[in-house]
Amino acid sequence: MRAQVDILSLSATPIPRTLSMALAGIRQLSVIETAPMGRIPIQTYLSEYDEGLVKMAVENELV
């Protein structure tokens, strides 16, 4: 890589190649440890498979 080029890569999970490059010192790694202000909490539901429930969940996300 050229020294004059800045690259910003974003990932929710570390990709093995990128993580390896960071650990070897080839690439810098930054970690965001706090959620953005006003972020809506994640809600997790567990139920039996129901086609109607899946349709309703997708429709709610599209609203």
PDB file of N, CA and C in Angstrom:
ATOM      1  N   MET A   1       0.834  -1.183   0.000  1.00  0.00           N
ATOM      2  CA  MET A   1       0.000   0.000   0.000  1.00  0.00           C
ATOM      3  C   MET A   1       0.875   1.241   0.000  1.00  0.00           C
ATOM      4  N   ARG A   2       0.390   2.260  -0.656  1.00  0.00           N
ATOM      5  CA  ARG A   2       1.145   3.513  -0.693  1.00  0.00           C
ATOM      6  C   ARG A   2       0.986   4.280   0.616  1.00  0.00           C
ATOM      7  N   ALA A   3       2.010   4.970   1.033  1.00  0.00           N
ATOM      8  CA  ALA A   3       1.987   5.707   2.301  1.00  0.00           C
ATOM      9  C   ALA A   3       1.081   6.931   2.236  1.00  0.00           C
ATOM     10  N   GLN A   4       0.805   7.470   1.046  1.00  0.00           N
ATOM     11  CA  GLN A   4       0.018   8.689   0.922  1.00  0.00           C
ATOM     12  C   GLN A   4      -1.488   8.431   0.857  1.00  0.00           C
ATOM     13  N   VAL A   5      -1.923   7.212   0.886  1.00  0.00           N
ATOM     14  CA  VAL A   5      -3.339   6.894   0.732  1.00  0.00           C
ATOM     15  C   VAL A   5      -3.936   6.537   2.090  1.00  0.00           C
ATOM     16  N   ASP A   6      -5.038   7.210   2.454  1.00  0.00           N
ATOM     17  CA  ASP A   6      -5.769   6.873   3.674  1.00  0.00           C
ATOM     18  C   ASP A   6      -6.931   5.961   3.297  1.00  0.00           C
ATOM     19  N   ILE A   7      -7.119   4.896   4.054  1.00  0.00           N
ATOM     20  CA  ILE A   7      -8.194   3.948   3.789  1.00  0.00           C
ATOM     21  C   ILE A   7      -9.007   3.784   5.060  1.00  0.00           C
ATOM     22  N   LEU A   8     -10.324   3.867   4.928  1.00  0.00           N
ATOM     23  CA  LEU A   8     -11.223   3.643   6.055  1.00  0.00           C
ATOM     24  C   LEU A   8     -12.072   2.422   5.736  1.00  0.00           C
ATOM     25  N   SER A   9     -11.932   1.369   6.537  1.00  0.00           N
ATOM     26  CA  SER A   9     -12.716   0.145   6.368  1.00  0.00           C
ATOM     27  C   SER A   9     -13.569  -0.035   7.609  1.00  0.00           C
ATOM     28  N   LEU A  10     -14.849  -0.309   7.421  1.00  0.00           N
ATOM     29  CA  LEU A  10     -15.753  -0.503   8.546  1.00  0.00           C
ATOM     30  C   LEU A  10     -16.308  -1.912   8.518  1.00  0.00           C
ATOM     31  N   SER A  11     -16.371  -2.541   9.674  1.00  0.00           N
ATOM     32  CA  SER A  11     -16.912  -3.889   9.761  1.00  0.00           C
ATOM     33  C   SER A  11     -17.500  -4.100  11.149  1.00  0.00           C
ATOM     34  N   ALA A  12     -18.656  -4.750  11.204  1.00  0.00           N
ATOM     35  CA  ALA A  12     -19.260  -5.055  12.499  1.00  0.00           C
ATOM     36  C   ALA A  12     -18.476  -6.152  13.211  1.00  0.00           C
ATOM     37  N   THR A  13     -17.838  -7.008  12.440  1.00  0.00           N
ATOM     38  CA  THR A  13     -17.007  -8.072  13.003  1.00  0.00           C
ATOM     39  C   THR A  13     -15.656  -8.040  12.313  1.00  0.00           C
ATOM     40  N   PRO A  14     -14.586  -8.310  13.038  1.00  0.00           N
ATOM     41  CA  PRO A  14     -13.269  -8.281  12.399  1.00  0.00           C
ATOM     42  C   PRO A  14     -13.112  -9.402  11.374  1.00  0.00           C
ATOM     43  N   ILE A  15     -12.676  -9.047  10.193  1.00  0.00           N
ATOM     44  CA  ILE A  15     -12.391 -10.018   9.147  1.00  0.00           C
ATOM     45  C   ILE A  15     -11.005 -10.586   9.448  1.00  0.00           C
ATOM     46  N   PRO A  16     -10.813 -11.914   9.398  1.00  0.00           N
ATOM     47  CA  PRO A  16      -9.520 -12.507   9.795  1.00  0.00           C
ATOM     48  C   PRO A  16      -8.302 -11.867   9.134  1.00  0.00           C
ATOM     49  N   ARG A  17      -8.368 -11.565   7.842  1.00  0.00           N
ATOM     50  CA  ARG A  17      -7.219 -10.969   7.155  1.00  0.00           C
ATOM     51  C   ARG A  17      -6.920  -9.585   7.727  1.00  0.00           C
ATOM     52  N   THR A  18      -7.966  -8.775   7.924  1.00  0.00           N
ATOM     53  CA  THR A  18      -7.788  -7.424   8.461  1.00  0.00           C
ATOM     54  C   THR A  18      -7.275  -7.480   9.894  1.00  0.00           C
ATOM     55  N   LEU A  19      -7.819  -8.388  10.694  1.00  0.00           N
ATOM     56  CA  LEU A  19      -7.359  -8.539  12.074  1.00  0.00           C
ATOM     57  C   LEU A  19      -5.898  -8.969  12.113  1.00  0.00           C
ATOM     58  N   SER A  20      -5.516  -9.874  11.237  1.00  0.00           N
ATOM     59  CA  SER A  20      -4.127 -10.328  11.156  1.00  0.00           C
ATOM     60  C   SER A  20      -3.200  -9.174  10.784  1.00  0.00           C
ATOM     61  N   MET A  21      -3.627  -8.339   9.827  1.00  0.00           N
ATOM     62  CA  MET A  21      -2.816  -7.185   9.418  1.00  0.00           C
ATOM     63  C   MET A  21      -2.663  -6.198  10.575  1.00  0.00           C
ATOM     64  N   ALA A  22      -3.732  -6.012  11.361  1.00  0.00           N
ATOM     65  CA  ALA A  22      -3.664  -5.093  12.498  1.00  0.00           C
ATOM     66  C   ALA A  22      -2.710  -5.627  13.561  1.00  0.00           C
ATOM     67  N   LEU A  23      -2.794  -6.913  13.850  1.00  0.00           N
ATOM     68  CA  LEU A  23      -1.912  -7.507  14.861  1.00  0.00           C
ATOM     69  C   LEU A  23      -0.454  -7.502  14.420  1.00  0.00           C
ATOM     70  N   ALA A  24      -0.207  -7.562  13.106  1.00  0.00           N
ATOM     71  CA  ALA A  24       1.159  -7.533  12.580  1.00  0.00           C
ATOM     72  C   ALA A  24       1.692  -6.103  12.467  1.00  0.00           C
ATOM     73  N   GLY A  25       0.826  -5.108  12.726  1.00  0.00           N
ATOM     74  CA  GLY A  25       1.258  -3.719  12.645  1.00  0.00           C
ATOM     75  C   GLY A  25       1.215  -3.146  11.242  1.00  0.00           C
ATOM     76  N   ILE A  26       0.657  -3.886  10.294  1.00  0.00           N
ATOM     77  CA  ILE A  26       0.553  -3.409   8.915  1.00  0.00           C
ATOM     78  C   ILE A  26      -0.590  -2.410   8.788  1.00  0.00           C
ATOM     79  N   ARG A  27      -1.606  -2.596   9.597  1.00  0.00           N
ATOM     80  CA  ARG A  27      -2.800  -1.774   9.515  1.00  0.00           C
ATOM     81  C   ARG A  27      -3.228  -1.383  10.924  1.00  0.00           C
ATOM     82  N   GLN A  28      -3.734  -0.151  11.078  1.00  0.00           N
ATOM     83  CA  GLN A  28      -4.223   0.296  12.384  1.00  0.00           C
ATOM     84  C   GLN A  28      -5.637  -0.218  12.600  1.00  0.00           C
ATOM     85  N   LEU A  29      -5.988  -0.457  13.852  1.00  0.00           N
ATOM     86  CA  LEU A  29      -7.315  -0.941  14.200  1.00  0.00           C
ATOM     87  C   LEU A  29      -7.886  -0.047  15.284  1.00  0.00           C
ATOM     88  N   SER A  30      -9.073   0.498  15.044  1.00  0.00           N
ATOM     89  CA  SER A  30      -9.779   1.303  16.046  1.00  0.00           C
ATOM     90  C   SER A  30     -11.047   0.572  16.432  1.00  0.00           C
ATOM     91  N   VAL A  31     -11.409   0.650  17.700  1.00  0.00           N
ATOM     92  CA  VAL A  31     -12.609  -0.015  18.191  1.00  0.00           C
ATOM     93  C   VAL A  31     -13.532   1.035  18.792  1.00  0.00           C
ATOM     94  N   ILE A  32     -14.784   1.056  18.355  1.00  0.00           N
ATOM     95  CA  ILE A  32     -15.788   1.939  18.936  1.00  0.00           C
ATOM     96  C   ILE A  32     -16.435   1.158  20.075  1.00  0.00           C
ATOM     97  N   GLU A  33     -16.230   1.614  21.299  1.00  0.00           N
ATOM     98  CA  GLU A  33     -16.685   0.858  22.463  1.00  0.00           C
ATOM     99  C   GLU A  33     -18.038   1.301  23.000  1.00  0.00           C
ATOM    100  N   THR A  34     -18.533   2.451  22.566  1.00  0.00           N
ATOM    101  CA  THR A  34     -19.830   2.922  23.052  1.00  0.00           C
ATOM    102  C   THR A  34     -20.769   3.136  21.873  1.00  0.00           C
ATOM    103  N   ALA A  35     -22.038   2.869  22.106  1.00  0.00           N
ATOM    104  CA  ALA A  35     -23.043   3.071  21.057  1.00  0.00           C
ATOM    105  C   ALA A  35     -23.299   4.564  20.873  1.00  0.00           C
ATOM    106  N   PRO A  36     -23.740   4.969  19.683  1.00  0.00           N
ATOM    107  CA  PRO A  36     -24.067   6.379  19.460  1.00  0.00           C
ATOM    108  C   PRO A  36     -25.210   6.822  20.382  1.00  0.00           C
ATOM    109  N   MET A  37     -25.228   8.105  20.748  1.00  0.00           N
ATOM    110  CA  MET A  37     -26.302   8.634  21.592  1.00  0.00           C
ATOM    111  C   MET A  37     -27.634   8.472  20.863  1.00  0.00           C
ATOM    112  N   GLY A  38     -28.650   8.085  21.599  1.00  0.00           N
ATOM    113  CA  GLY A  38     -29.981   7.946  21.027  1.00  0.00           C
ATOM    114  C   GLY A  38     -30.220   6.632  20.299  1.00  0.00           C
ATOM    115  N   ARG A  39     -29.265   5.739  20.356  1.00  0.00           N
ATOM    116  CA  ARG A  39     -29.427   4.455  19.665  1.00  0.00           C
ATOM    117  C   ARG A  39     -30.530   3.637  20.334  1.00  0.00           C
ATOM    118  N   ILE A  40     -31.400   3.067  19.514  1.00  0.00           N
ATOM    119  CA  ILE A  40     -32.505   2.257  20.018  1.00  0.00           C
ATOM    120  C   ILE A  40     -31.961   0.890  20.434  1.00  0.00           C
ATOM    121  N   PRO A  41     -32.319   0.411  21.634  1.00  0.00           N
ATOM    122  CA  PRO A  41     -31.824  -0.891  22.085  1.00  0.00           C
ATOM    123  C   PRO A  41     -32.288  -2.027  21.164  1.00  0.00           C
ATOM    124  N   ILE A  42     -31.482  -3.062  21.073  1.00  0.00           N
ATOM    125  CA  ILE A  42     -31.815  -4.234  20.270  1.00  0.00           C
ATOM    126  C   ILE A  42     -32.841  -5.067  21.022  1.00  0.00           C
ATOM    127  N   GLN A  43     -33.868  -5.529  20.303  1.00  0.00           N
ATOM    128  CA  GLN A  43     -34.873  -6.412  20.890  1.00  0.00           C
ATOM    129  C   GLN A  43     -34.760  -7.773  20.218  1.00  0.00           C
ATOM    130  N   THR A  44     -34.667  -8.825  21.011  1.00  0.00           N
ATOM    131  CA  THR A  44     -34.542 -10.180  20.484  1.00  0.00           C
ATOM    132  C   THR A  44     -35.764 -10.987  20.889  1.00  0.00           C
ATOM    133  N   TYR A  45     -36.345 -11.685  19.916  1.00  0.00           N
ATOM    134  CA  TYR A  45     -37.513 -12.526  20.167  1.00  0.00           C
ATOM    135  C   TYR A  45     -37.201 -13.948  19.725  1.00  0.00           C
ATOM    136  N   LEU A  46     -37.739 -14.914  20.445  1.00  0.00           N
ATOM    137  CA  LEU A  46     -37.562 -16.319  20.106  1.00  0.00           C
ATOM    138  C   LEU A  46     -38.941 -16.971  20.054  1.00  0.00           C
ATOM    139  N   SER A  47     -39.254 -17.625  18.929  1.00  0.00           N
ATOM    140  CA  SER A  47     -40.551 -18.292  18.793  1.00  0.00           C
ATOM    141  C   SER A  47     -40.450 -19.394  17.747  1.00  0.00           C
ATOM    142  N   GLU A  48     -41.491 -20.204  17.675  1.00  0.00           N
ATOM    143  CA  GLU A  48     -41.593 -21.214  16.623  1.00  0.00           C
ATOM    144  C   GLU A  48     -41.716 -20.494  15.284  1.00  0.00           C
ATOM    145  N   TYR A  49     -41.305 -21.158  14.186  1.00  0.00           N
ATOM    146  CA  TYR A  49     -41.404 -20.550  12.865  1.00  0.00           C
ATOM    147  C   TYR A  49     -42.869 -20.324  12.512  1.00  0.00           C
ATOM    148  N   ASP A  50     -43.178 -19.106  12.079  1.00  0.00           N
ATOM    149  CA  ASP A  50     -44.539 -18.735  11.679  1.00  0.00           C
ATOM    150  C   ASP A  50     -44.424 -17.767  10.506  1.00  0.00           C
ATOM    151  N   GLU A  51     -44.884 -18.197   9.334  1.00  0.00           N
ATOM    152  CA  GLU A  51     -44.780 -17.378   8.114  1.00  0.00           C
ATOM    153  C   GLU A  51     -45.404 -15.994   8.314  1.00  0.00           C
ATOM    154  N   GLY A  52     -46.565 -15.938   8.979  1.00  0.00           N
ATOM    155  CA  GLY A  52     -47.230 -14.659   9.222  1.00  0.00           C
ATOM    156  C   GLY A  52     -46.401 -13.752  10.114  1.00  0.00           C
ATOM    157  N   LEU A  53     -45.759 -14.328  11.120  1.00  0.00           N
ATOM    158  CA  LEU A  53     -44.917 -13.551  12.028  1.00  0.00           C
ATOM    159  C   LEU A  53     -43.692 -12.999  11.299  1.00  0.00           C
ATOM    160  N   VAL A  54     -43.113 -13.806  10.416  1.00  0.00           N
ATOM    161  CA  VAL A  54     -41.965 -13.346   9.619  1.00  0.00           C
ATOM    162  C   VAL A  54     -42.392 -12.178   8.743  1.00  0.00           C
ATOM    163  N   LYS A  55     -43.538 -12.312   8.078  1.00  0.00           N
ATOM    164  CA  LYS A  55     -44.047 -11.243   7.206  1.00  0.00           C
ATOM    165  C   LYS A  55     -44.279  -9.966   8.006  1.00  0.00           C
ATOM    166  N   MET A  56     -44.891 -10.096   9.188  1.00  0.00           N
ATOM    167  CA  MET A  56     -45.160  -8.931  10.025  1.00  0.00           C
ATOM    168  C   MET A  56     -43.856  -8.262  10.476  1.00  0.00           C
ATOM    169  N   ALA A  57     -42.852  -9.052  10.845  1.00  0.00           N
ATOM    170  CA  ALA A  57     -41.574  -8.496  11.290  1.00  0.00           C
ATOM    171  C   ALA A  57     -40.891  -7.722  10.167  1.00  0.00           C
ATOM    172  N   VAL A  58     -40.911  -8.283   8.954  1.00  0.00           N
ATOM    173  CA  VAL A  58     -40.299  -7.598   7.809  1.00  0.00           C
ATOM    174  C   VAL A  58     -41.052  -6.312   7.509  1.00  0.00           C
ATOM    175  N   GLU A  59     -42.381  -6.363   7.524  1.00  0.00           N
ATOM    176  CA  GLU A  59     -43.183  -5.160   7.261  1.00  0.00           C
ATOM    177  C   GLU A  59     -42.910  -4.081   8.299  1.00  0.00           C
ATOM    178  N   ASN A  60     -42.753  -4.467   9.570  1.00  0.00           N
ATOM    179  CA  ASN A  60     -42.449  -3.485  10.621  1.00  0.00           C
ATOM    180  C   ASN A  60     -41.091  -2.827  10.397  1.00  0.00           C
ATOM    181  N   GLU A  61     -40.121  -3.570   9.893  1.00  0.00           N
ATOM    182  CA  GLU A  61     -38.797  -3.004   9.622  1.00  0.00           C
ATOM    183  C   GLU A  61     -38.833  -2.035   8.447  1.00  0.00           C
ATOM    184  N   LEU A  62     -39.738  -2.268   7.501  1.00  0.00           N
ATOM    185  CA  LEU A  62     -39.820  -1.424   6.312  1.00  0.00           C
ATOM    186  C   LEU A  62     -40.575  -0.122   6.560  1.00  0.00           C
ATOM    187  N   VAL A  63     -41.305  -0.024   7.679  1.00  0.00           N
ATOM    188  CA  VAL A  63     -42.087   1.189   7.984  1.00  0.00           C
ATOM    189  C   VAL A  63     -41.179   2.333   8.325  1.00  0.00           C
TER     190      VAL A  63
END
